[in-house]
Protein backbone atom coordinates (compact mmCIF):
# COMPACT_ATOMS: atom_id res chain seq x y z
CA UNK A 1 11.02 -7.72 22.17
CA UNK A 2 9.24 -11.08 22.51
CA UNK A 3 5.85 -9.37 22.23
CA UNK A 4 6.69 -7.87 18.83
CA UNK A 5 7.83 -11.23 17.51
CA UNK A 6 4.55 -12.84 18.60
CA UNK A 7 2.60 -10.25 16.60
CA UNK A 8 4.70 -10.79 13.49
CA UNK A 9 4.42 -14.58 13.40
CA UNK A 10 0.80 -14.74 12.14
CA UNK A 11 1.61 -12.22 9.41
CA UNK A 12 4.74 -14.14 8.46
CA UNK A 13 2.77 -17.39 8.33
CA UNK A 14 0.17 -15.75 6.04
CA UNK A 15 2.87 -14.54 3.67
CA UNK A 16 4.54 -17.94 3.52
CA UNK A 17 1.16 -19.64 2.99
CA UNK A 18 0.39 -17.29 0.11
CA UNK A 19 3.64 -18.08 -1.67
CA UNK A 20 3.45 -21.79 -0.90
CA UNK A 21 0.28 -22.27 -2.97
CA UNK A 22 1.13 -19.97 -5.88
CA UNK A 23 -0.75 -20.52 -9.12
CA UNK A 24 -0.22 -19.09 -12.59
CA UNK A 25 -3.08 -16.61 -12.07
CA UNK A 26 -1.54 -15.32 -8.84
CA UNK A 27 1.85 -14.88 -10.54
CA UNK A 28 0.15 -13.00 -13.37
CA UNK A 29 -1.70 -10.87 -10.81
CA UNK A 30 1.53 -10.01 -8.97
CA UNK A 31 3.30 -9.13 -12.23
CA UNK A 32 0.40 -6.92 -13.33
CA UNK A 33 0.34 -5.03 -10.03
CA UNK A 34 4.11 -4.61 -10.16
CA UNK A 35 3.88 -3.27 -13.71
CA UNK A 36 1.21 -0.75 -12.71
CA UNK A 37 3.27 0.45 -9.74
CA UNK A 38 6.42 0.82 -11.86
CA UNK A 39 4.56 2.75 -14.56
CA UNK A 40 2.98 5.04 -11.98
CA UNK A 41 6.39 5.56 -10.40
CA UNK A 42 7.91 6.49 -13.79
CA UNK A 43 5.06 8.85 -14.62
CA UNK A 44 5.36 10.74 -11.35
CA UNK A 45 9.15 10.78 -11.07
CA UNK A 46 10.50 14.29 -11.40
CA UNK A 47 7.21 15.99 -10.57
CA UNK A 48 6.08 17.59 -7.36
CA UNK A 49 3.47 14.87 -7.01
CA UNK A 50 6.21 12.25 -6.55
CA UNK A 51 6.76 13.16 -2.88
CA UNK A 52 3.01 13.08 -2.27
CA UNK A 53 2.82 9.66 -3.93
CA UNK A 54 5.62 8.29 -1.72
CA UNK A 55 3.89 9.70 1.37
CA UNK A 56 0.54 8.16 0.40
CA UNK A 57 2.22 4.83 -0.31
CA UNK A 58 3.95 4.85 3.08
CA UNK A 59 0.67 5.68 4.85
CA UNK A 60 -0.99 2.78 3.05
CA UNK A 61 1.81 0.38 4.06
CA UNK A 62 1.54 1.53 7.68
CA UNK A 63 -2.25 1.05 7.48
CA UNK A 64 -1.83 -2.55 6.31
CA UNK A 65 0.68 -3.30 9.07
CA UNK A 66 -1.53 -1.73 11.75
CA UNK A 67 -4.51 -3.80 10.56
CA UNK A 68 -2.42 -6.98 10.70
CA UNK A 69 -1.23 -6.20 14.22
CA UNK A 70 -4.84 -5.64 15.37
CA UNK A 71 -4.35 -2.13 16.73
CA UNK A 72 -7.96 -0.86 16.79
CA UNK A 73 -7.49 2.84 17.60
CA UNK A 74 -4.66 3.43 15.14
CA UNK A 75 -6.48 1.32 12.57
CA UNK A 76 -9.60 3.48 12.86
CA UNK A 77 -7.57 6.68 12.50
CA UNK A 78 -5.77 5.38 9.42
CA UNK A 79 -9.05 4.05 7.98
CA UNK A 80 -10.46 7.56 8.07
CA UNK A 81 -7.26 9.02 6.65
CA UNK A 82 -7.18 6.55 3.78
CA UNK A 83 -10.85 7.05 2.89
CA UNK A 84 -10.55 10.85 2.88
CA UNK A 85 -7.09 10.65 1.32
CA UNK A 86 -8.40 9.07 -1.88
CA UNK A 87 -10.51 12.12 -2.68
CA UNK A 88 -7.75 14.51 -1.67
CA UNK A 89 -5.24 12.68 -3.89
CA UNK A 90 -7.50 13.18 -6.89
CA UNK A 91 -7.67 16.91 -6.14
CA UNK A 92 -3.92 17.21 -5.57
CA UNK A 93 -2.94 15.12 -8.61
CA UNK A 94 -5.40 16.88 -10.94
CA UNK A 95 -2.68 18.44 -13.18
CA UNK A 96 -0.89 15.09 -13.49
CA UNK A 97 -4.15 13.27 -14.20
CA UNK A 98 -4.88 15.69 -17.04
CA UNK A 99 -1.54 14.82 -18.65
CA UNK A 100 -2.64 11.22 -19.06
């Protein structure tokens, strides 16, 4: 249990440092990213692609956490999955992309 807490402290310190020195540009950036995510969520809700989107989002979140925890083997595997996944997402979401 103590080992897990030691790994999370640097990540927690980075998050607090980011929010400690917030500027107007960073707030605008966060709001813009949030708006894009919400609009993408609304566009995909109710379609088959929604479950794929949630899966891709969860893989990306796991990838970020693994990189922060410095897990080299898992990080390499997820790096490959994310790089190949981008192309596969375009192929899978082709009908939804045409709607836009």
